């Protein structure tokens, strides 16, 4: 809904998520995702191909590392 309000295509959005449900929602929306492994292990997300990276927290994030 936020992307739509801003006039952005979902494929140009990057989702930060820490849940399987959120990862599934990002996948269905056609968005790339960065997963925080605060509540689930990386292996639990193995079925999703839209995940760009896994992180333990935001301290290790630099946008330039992704794109």
PDB file of N, CA and C in Angstrom:
ATOM      1  N   UNK A   1       0.808  -1.188   0.000  1.00  0.00           N
ATOM      2  CA  UNK A   1       0.000   0.000   0.000  1.00  0.00           C
ATOM      3  C   UNK A   1       0.858   1.262   0.000  1.00  0.00           C
ATOM      4  N   UNK A   2       1.959   1.238   0.715  1.00  0.00           N
ATOM      5  CA  UNK A   2       2.842   2.406   0.740  1.00  0.00           C
ATOM      6  C   UNK A   2       3.452   2.641  -0.635  1.00  0.00           C
ATOM      7  N   UNK A   3       3.880   1.566  -1.284  1.00  0.00           N
ATOM      8  CA  UNK A   3       4.461   1.706  -2.622  1.00  0.00           C
ATOM      9  C   UNK A   3       3.450   2.300  -3.585  1.00  0.00           C
ATOM     10  N   UNK A   4       2.236   1.826  -3.503  1.00  0.00           N
ATOM     11  CA  UNK A   4       1.175   2.338  -4.371  1.00  0.00           C
ATOM     12  C   UNK A   4       0.940   3.823  -4.107  1.00  0.00           C
ATOM     13  N   UNK A   5       0.902   4.214  -2.840  1.00  0.00           N
ATOM     14  CA  UNK A   5       0.679   5.614  -2.491  1.00  0.00           C
ATOM     15  C   UNK A   5       1.804   6.509  -3.012  1.00  0.00           C
ATOM     16  N   UNK A   6       3.015   5.961  -3.084  1.00  0.00           N
ATOM     17  CA  UNK A   6       4.163   6.710  -3.591  1.00  0.00           C
ATOM     18  C   UNK A   6       4.333   6.593  -5.102  1.00  0.00           C
ATOM     19  N   UNK A   7       3.508   5.753  -5.715  1.00  0.00           N
ATOM     20  CA  UNK A   7       3.598   5.556  -7.154  1.00  0.00           C
ATOM     21  C   UNK A   7       4.776   4.710  -7.578  1.00  0.00           C
ATOM     22  N   UNK A   8       5.232   3.828  -6.693  1.00  0.00           N
ATOM     23  CA  UNK A   8       6.379   2.970  -6.995  1.00  0.00           C
ATOM     24  C   UNK A   8       5.933   1.564  -7.377  1.00  0.00           C
ATOM     25  N   UNK A   9       6.531   1.000  -8.407  1.00  0.00           N
ATOM     26  CA  UNK A   9       6.234  -0.397  -8.725  1.00  0.00           C
ATOM     27  C   UNK A   9       6.807  -1.310  -7.630  1.00  0.00           C
ATOM     28  N   UNK A  10       6.091  -2.334  -7.268  1.00  0.00           N
ATOM     29  CA  UNK A  10       6.524  -3.244  -6.208  1.00  0.00           C
ATOM     30  C   UNK A  10       7.871  -3.892  -6.510  1.00  0.00           C
ATOM     31  N   UNK A  11       8.151  -4.144  -7.778  1.00  0.00           N
ATOM     32  CA  UNK A  11       9.426  -4.773  -8.133  1.00  0.00           C
ATOM     33  C   UNK A  11      10.615  -3.879  -7.801  1.00  0.00           C
ATOM     34  N   UNK A  12      10.380  -2.588  -7.560  1.00  0.00           N
ATOM     35  CA  UNK A  12      11.446  -1.655  -7.195  1.00  0.00           C
ATOM     36  C   UNK A  12      11.545  -1.444  -5.690  1.00  0.00           C
ATOM     37  N   UNK A  13      10.791  -2.208  -4.929  1.00  0.00           N
ATOM     38  CA  UNK A  13      10.787  -2.052  -3.477  1.00  0.00           C
ATOM     39  C   UNK A  13      11.662  -3.116  -2.815  1.00  0.00           C
ATOM     40  N   UNK A  14      12.255  -2.736  -1.721  1.00  0.00           N
ATOM     41  CA  UNK A  14      13.090  -3.628  -0.935  1.00  0.00           C
ATOM     42  C   UNK A  14      12.442  -3.776   0.433  1.00  0.00           C
ATOM     43  N   UNK A  15      12.140  -4.999   0.818  1.00  0.00           N
ATOM     44  CA  UNK A  15      11.442  -5.284   2.062  1.00  0.00           C
ATOM     45  C   UNK A  15      12.433  -5.818   3.093  1.00  0.00           C
ATOM     46  N   UNK A  16      12.374  -5.281   4.289  1.00  0.00           N
ATOM     47  CA  UNK A  16      13.133  -5.799   5.418  1.00  0.00           C
ATOM     48  C   UNK A  16      12.162  -6.596   6.265  1.00  0.00           C
ATOM     49  N   UNK A  17      12.507  -7.842   6.545  1.00  0.00           N
ATOM     50  CA  UNK A  17      11.557  -8.721   7.225  1.00  0.00           C
ATOM     51  C   UNK A  17      12.293  -9.680   8.135  1.00  0.00           C
ATOM     52  N   UNK A  18      11.596 -10.149   9.161  1.00  0.00           N
ATOM     53  CA  UNK A  18      12.182 -11.145  10.062  1.00  0.00           C
ATOM     54  C   UNK A  18      11.260 -12.340  10.270  1.00  0.00           C
ATOM     55  N   UNK A  19      10.187 -12.402   9.509  1.00  0.00           N
ATOM     56  CA  UNK A  19       9.244 -13.510   9.691  1.00  0.00           C
ATOM     57  C   UNK A  19       9.020 -14.259   8.384  1.00  0.00           C
ATOM     58  N   UNK A  20       8.612 -15.499   8.513  1.00  0.00           N
ATOM     59  CA  UNK A  20       8.289 -16.306   7.331  1.00  0.00           C
ATOM     60  C   UNK A  20       7.070 -15.739   6.610  1.00  0.00           C
ATOM     61  N   UNK A  21       6.103 -15.281   7.367  1.00  0.00           N
ATOM     62  CA  UNK A  21       4.899 -14.695   6.771  1.00  0.00           C
ATOM     63  C   UNK A  21       5.257 -13.449   5.968  1.00  0.00           C
ATOM     64  N   UNK A  22       6.117 -12.621   6.514  1.00  0.00           N
ATOM     65  CA  UNK A  22       6.547 -11.417   5.809  1.00  0.00           C
ATOM     66  C   UNK A  22       7.354 -11.739   4.565  1.00  0.00           C
ATOM     67  N   UNK A  23       8.192 -12.748   4.653  1.00  0.00           N
ATOM     68  CA  UNK A  23       8.969 -13.178   3.486  1.00  0.00           C
ATOM     69  C   UNK A  23       8.044 -13.676   2.384  1.00  0.00           C
ATOM     70  N   UNK A  24       7.025 -14.410   2.766  1.00  0.00           N
ATOM     71  CA  UNK A  24       6.032 -14.896   1.797  1.00  0.00           C
ATOM     72  C   UNK A  24       5.281 -13.730   1.164  1.00  0.00           C
ATOM     73  N   UNK A  25       4.892 -12.750   1.960  1.00  0.00           N
ATOM     74  CA  UNK A  25       4.173 -11.587   1.435  1.00  0.00           C
ATOM     75  C   UNK A  25       5.044 -10.802   0.453  1.00  0.00           C
ATOM     76  N   UNK A  26       6.307 -10.616   0.786  1.00  0.00           N
ATOM     77  CA  UNK A  26       7.221  -9.924  -0.127  1.00  0.00           C
ATOM     78  C   UNK A  26       7.374 -10.705  -1.430  1.00  0.00           C
ATOM     79  N   UNK A  27       7.496 -12.016  -1.313  1.00  0.00           N
ATOM     80  CA  UNK A  27       7.617 -12.878  -2.489  1.00  0.00           C
ATOM     81  C   UNK A  27       6.379 -12.754  -3.382  1.00  0.00           C
ATOM     82  N   UNK A  28       5.200 -12.840  -2.791  1.00  0.00           N
ATOM     83  CA  UNK A  28       3.952 -12.741  -3.570  1.00  0.00           C
ATOM     84  C   UNK A  28       3.778 -11.368  -4.211  1.00  0.00           C
ATOM     85  N   UNK A  29       4.312 -10.345  -3.559  1.00  0.00           N
ATOM     86  CA  UNK A  29       4.207  -8.989  -4.103  1.00  0.00           C
ATOM     87  C   UNK A  29       5.234  -8.729  -5.204  1.00  0.00           C
ATOM     88  N   UNK A  30       6.223  -9.609  -5.328  1.00  0.00           N
ATOM     89  CA  UNK A  30       7.251  -9.426  -6.341  1.00  0.00           C
ATOM     90  C   UNK A  30       8.385  -8.519  -5.892  1.00  0.00           C
ATOM     91  N   UNK A  31       8.550  -8.369  -4.584  1.00  0.00           N
ATOM     92  CA  UNK A  31       9.593  -7.506  -4.020  1.00  0.00           C
ATOM     93  C   UNK A  31      10.810  -8.331  -3.629  1.00  0.00           C
ATOM     94  N   UNK A  32      11.957  -7.700  -3.672  1.00  0.00           N
ATOM     95  CA  UNK A  32      13.163  -8.297  -3.101  1.00  0.00           C
ATOM     96  C   UNK A  32      13.103  -8.118  -1.593  1.00  0.00           C
ATOM     97  N   UNK A  33      13.810  -8.979  -0.870  1.00  0.00           N
ATOM     98  CA  UNK A  33      13.779  -8.898   0.588  1.00  0.00           C
ATOM     99  C   UNK A  33      15.162  -9.077   1.184  1.00  0.00           C
ATOM    100  N   UNK A  34      15.347  -8.416   2.302  1.00  0.00           N
ATOM    101  CA  UNK A  34      16.487  -8.643   3.180  1.00  0.00           C
ATOM    102  C   UNK A  34      15.892  -9.193   4.464  1.00  0.00           C
ATOM    103  N   UNK A  35      16.410 -10.314   4.899  1.00  0.00           N
ATOM    104  CA  UNK A  35      15.845 -11.002   6.056  1.00  0.00           C
ATOM    105  C   UNK A  35      16.747 -10.827   7.271  1.00  0.00           C
ATOM    106  N   UNK A  36      16.135 -10.386   8.350  1.00  0.00           N
ATOM    107  CA  UNK A  36      16.818 -10.318   9.640  1.00  0.00           C
ATOM    108  C   UNK A  36      16.614 -11.652  10.338  1.00  0.00           C
ATOM    109  N   UNK A  37      17.703 -12.254  10.740  1.00  0.00           N
ATOM    110  CA  UNK A  37      17.622 -13.575  11.363  1.00  0.00           C
ATOM    111  C   UNK A  37      17.507 -13.456  12.881  1.00  0.00           C
ATOM    112  N   UNK A  38      16.591 -12.614  13.313  1.00  0.00           N
ATOM    113  CA  UNK A  38      16.371 -12.400  14.746  1.00  0.00           C
ATOM    114  C   UNK A  38      15.401 -13.404  15.341  1.00  0.00           C
ATOM    115  N   UNK A  39      14.475 -13.897  14.538  1.00  0.00           N
ATOM    116  CA  UNK A  39      13.463 -14.824  15.056  1.00  0.00           C
ATOM    117  C   UNK A  39      13.461 -16.181  14.356  1.00  0.00           C
ATOM    118  N   UNK A  40      14.060 -16.245  13.172  1.00  0.00           N
ATOM    119  CA  UNK A  40      14.111 -17.500  12.409  1.00  0.00           C
ATOM    120  C   UNK A  40      15.512 -17.694  11.859  1.00  0.00           C
ATOM    121  N   UNK A  41      15.877 -18.927  11.649  1.00  0.00           N
ATOM    122  CA  UNK A  41      17.185 -19.246  11.069  1.00  0.00           C
ATOM    123  C   UNK A  41      17.124 -19.111   9.546  1.00  0.00           C
ATOM    124  N   UNK A  42      18.262 -18.814   8.960  1.00  0.00           N
ATOM    125  CA  UNK A  42      18.367 -18.636   7.511  1.00  0.00           C
ATOM    126  C   UNK A  42      17.797 -19.824   6.741  1.00  0.00           C
ATOM    127  N   UNK A  43      18.045 -21.020   7.210  1.00  0.00           N
ATOM    128  CA  UNK A  43      17.585 -22.230   6.521  1.00  0.00           C
ATOM    129  C   UNK A  43      16.067 -22.291   6.379  1.00  0.00           C
ATOM    130  N   UNK A  44      15.349 -21.649   7.267  1.00  0.00           N
ATOM    131  CA  UNK A  44      13.884 -21.665   7.214  1.00  0.00           C
ATOM    132  C   UNK A  44      13.333 -20.893   6.020  1.00  0.00           C
ATOM    133  N   UNK A  45      14.152 -20.091   5.375  1.00  0.00           N
ATOM    134  CA  UNK A  45      13.730 -19.277   4.244  1.00  0.00           C
ATOM    135  C   UNK A  45      14.205 -19.853   2.905  1.00  0.00           C
ATOM    136  N   UNK A  46      14.655 -21.083   2.895  1.00  0.00           N
ATOM    137  CA  UNK A  46      15.303 -21.670   1.723  1.00  0.00           C
ATOM    138  C   UNK A  46      14.422 -21.745   0.480  1.00  0.00           C
ATOM    139  N   UNK A  47      13.128 -21.728   0.624  1.00  0.00           N
ATOM    140  CA  UNK A  47      12.247 -21.846  -0.548  1.00  0.00           C
ATOM    141  C   UNK A  47      12.039 -20.532  -1.291  1.00  0.00           C
ATOM    142  N   UNK A  48      12.580 -19.441  -0.774  1.00  0.00           N
ATOM    143  CA  UNK A  48      12.356 -18.132  -1.381  1.00  0.00           C
ATOM    144  C   UNK A  48      13.566 -17.666  -2.173  1.00  0.00           C
ATOM    145  N   UNK A  49      13.349 -17.329  -3.429  1.00  0.00           N
ATOM    146  CA  UNK A  49      14.442 -16.903  -4.306  1.00  0.00           C
ATOM    147  C   UNK A  49      14.590 -15.384  -4.367  1.00  0.00           C
ATOM    148  N   UNK A  50      13.684 -14.653  -3.755  1.00  0.00           N
ATOM    149  CA  UNK A  50      13.712 -13.190  -3.828  1.00  0.00           C
ATOM    150  C   UNK A  50      14.554 -12.551  -2.730  1.00  0.00           C
ATOM    151  N   UNK A  51      15.152 -13.356  -1.880  1.00  0.00           N
ATOM    152  CA  UNK A  51      15.927 -12.839  -0.763  1.00  0.00           C
ATOM    153  C   UNK A  51      17.337 -12.463  -1.229  1.00  0.00           C
ATOM    154  N   UNK A  52      17.700 -11.216  -1.007  1.00  0.00           N
ATOM    155  CA  UNK A  52      19.005 -10.728  -1.430  1.00  0.00           C
ATOM    156  C   UNK A  52      20.093 -10.996  -0.402  1.00  0.00           C
ATOM    157  N   UNK A  53      19.693 -10.993   0.872  1.00  0.00           N
ATOM    158  CA  UNK A  53      20.700 -11.099   1.920  1.00  0.00           C
ATOM    159  C   UNK A  53      20.047 -11.431   3.256  1.00  0.00           C
ATOM    160  N   UNK A  54      20.819 -12.056   4.122  1.00  0.00           N
ATOM    161  CA  UNK A  54      20.414 -12.310   5.501  1.00  0.00           C
ATOM    162  C   UNK A  54      21.324 -11.494   6.409  1.00  0.00           C
ATOM    163  N   UNK A  55      20.742 -10.941   7.473  1.00  0.00           N
ATOM    164  CA  UNK A  55      21.514 -10.136   8.412  1.00  0.00           C
ATOM    165  C   UNK A  55      21.067 -10.450   9.837  1.00  0.00           C
ATOM    166  N   UNK A  56      21.984 -10.284  10.771  1.00  0.00           N
ATOM    167  CA  UNK A  56      21.638 -10.473  12.174  1.00  0.00           C
ATOM    168  C   UNK A  56      20.987  -9.220  12.758  1.00  0.00           C
ATOM    169  N   UNK A  57      21.388  -8.048  12.264  1.00  0.00           N
ATOM    170  CA  UNK A  57      20.806  -6.787  12.715  1.00  0.00           C
ATOM    171  C   UNK A  57      21.091  -5.713  11.666  1.00  0.00           C
ATOM    172  N   UNK A  58      20.562  -4.532  11.891  1.00  0.00           N
ATOM    173  CA  UNK A  58      20.732  -3.450  10.920  1.00  0.00           C
ATOM    174  C   UNK A  58      22.124  -2.827  10.947  1.00  0.00           C
ATOM    175  N   UNK A  59      22.921  -3.116  11.939  1.00  0.00           N
ATOM    176  CA  UNK A  59      24.242  -2.527  12.052  1.00  0.00           C
ATOM    177  C   UNK A  59      25.171  -2.927  10.912  1.00  0.00           C
ATOM    178  N   UNK A  60      24.899  -4.080  10.304  1.00  0.00           N
ATOM    179  CA  UNK A  60      25.755  -4.553   9.216  1.00  0.00           C
ATOM    180  C   UNK A  60      25.207  -4.177   7.835  1.00  0.00           C
ATOM    181  N   UNK A  61      24.227  -3.295   7.778  1.00  0.00           N
ATOM    182  CA  UNK A  61      23.586  -2.946   6.502  1.00  0.00           C
ATOM    183  C   UNK A  61      24.154  -1.668   5.912  1.00  0.00           C
ATOM    184  N   UNK A  62      24.518  -1.752   4.647  1.00  0.00           N
ATOM    185  CA  UNK A  62      24.902  -0.592   3.846  1.00  0.00           C
ATOM    186  C   UNK A  62      24.230  -0.771   2.497  1.00  0.00           C
ATOM    187  N   UNK A  63      23.416   0.168   2.106  1.00  0.00           N
ATOM    188  CA  UNK A  63      22.663   0.057   0.855  1.00  0.00           C
ATOM    189  C   UNK A  63      23.573  -0.183  -0.340  1.00  0.00           C
ATOM    190  N   UNK A  64      24.733   0.413  -0.346  1.00  0.00           N
ATOM    191  CA  UNK A  64      25.690   0.224  -1.443  1.00  0.00           C
ATOM    192  C   UNK A  64      26.154  -1.214  -1.602  1.00  0.00           C
ATOM    193  N   UNK A  65      26.077  -2.000  -0.522  1.00  0.00           N
ATOM    194  CA  UNK A  65      26.462  -3.418  -0.592  1.00  0.00           C
ATOM    195  C   UNK A  65      25.422  -4.252  -1.330  1.00  0.00           C
ATOM    196  N   UNK A  66      24.208  -3.742  -1.415  1.00  0.00           N
ATOM    197  CA  UNK A  66      23.105  -4.499  -2.020  1.00  0.00           C
ATOM    198  C   UNK A  66      23.005  -4.220  -3.514  1.00  0.00           C
ATOM    199  N   UNK A  67      23.138  -2.985  -3.906  1.00  0.00           N
ATOM    200  CA  UNK A  67      22.938  -2.623  -5.308  1.00  0.00           C
ATOM    201  C   UNK A  67      24.209  -2.152  -5.963  1.00  0.00           C
TER     202      UNK A  67
END
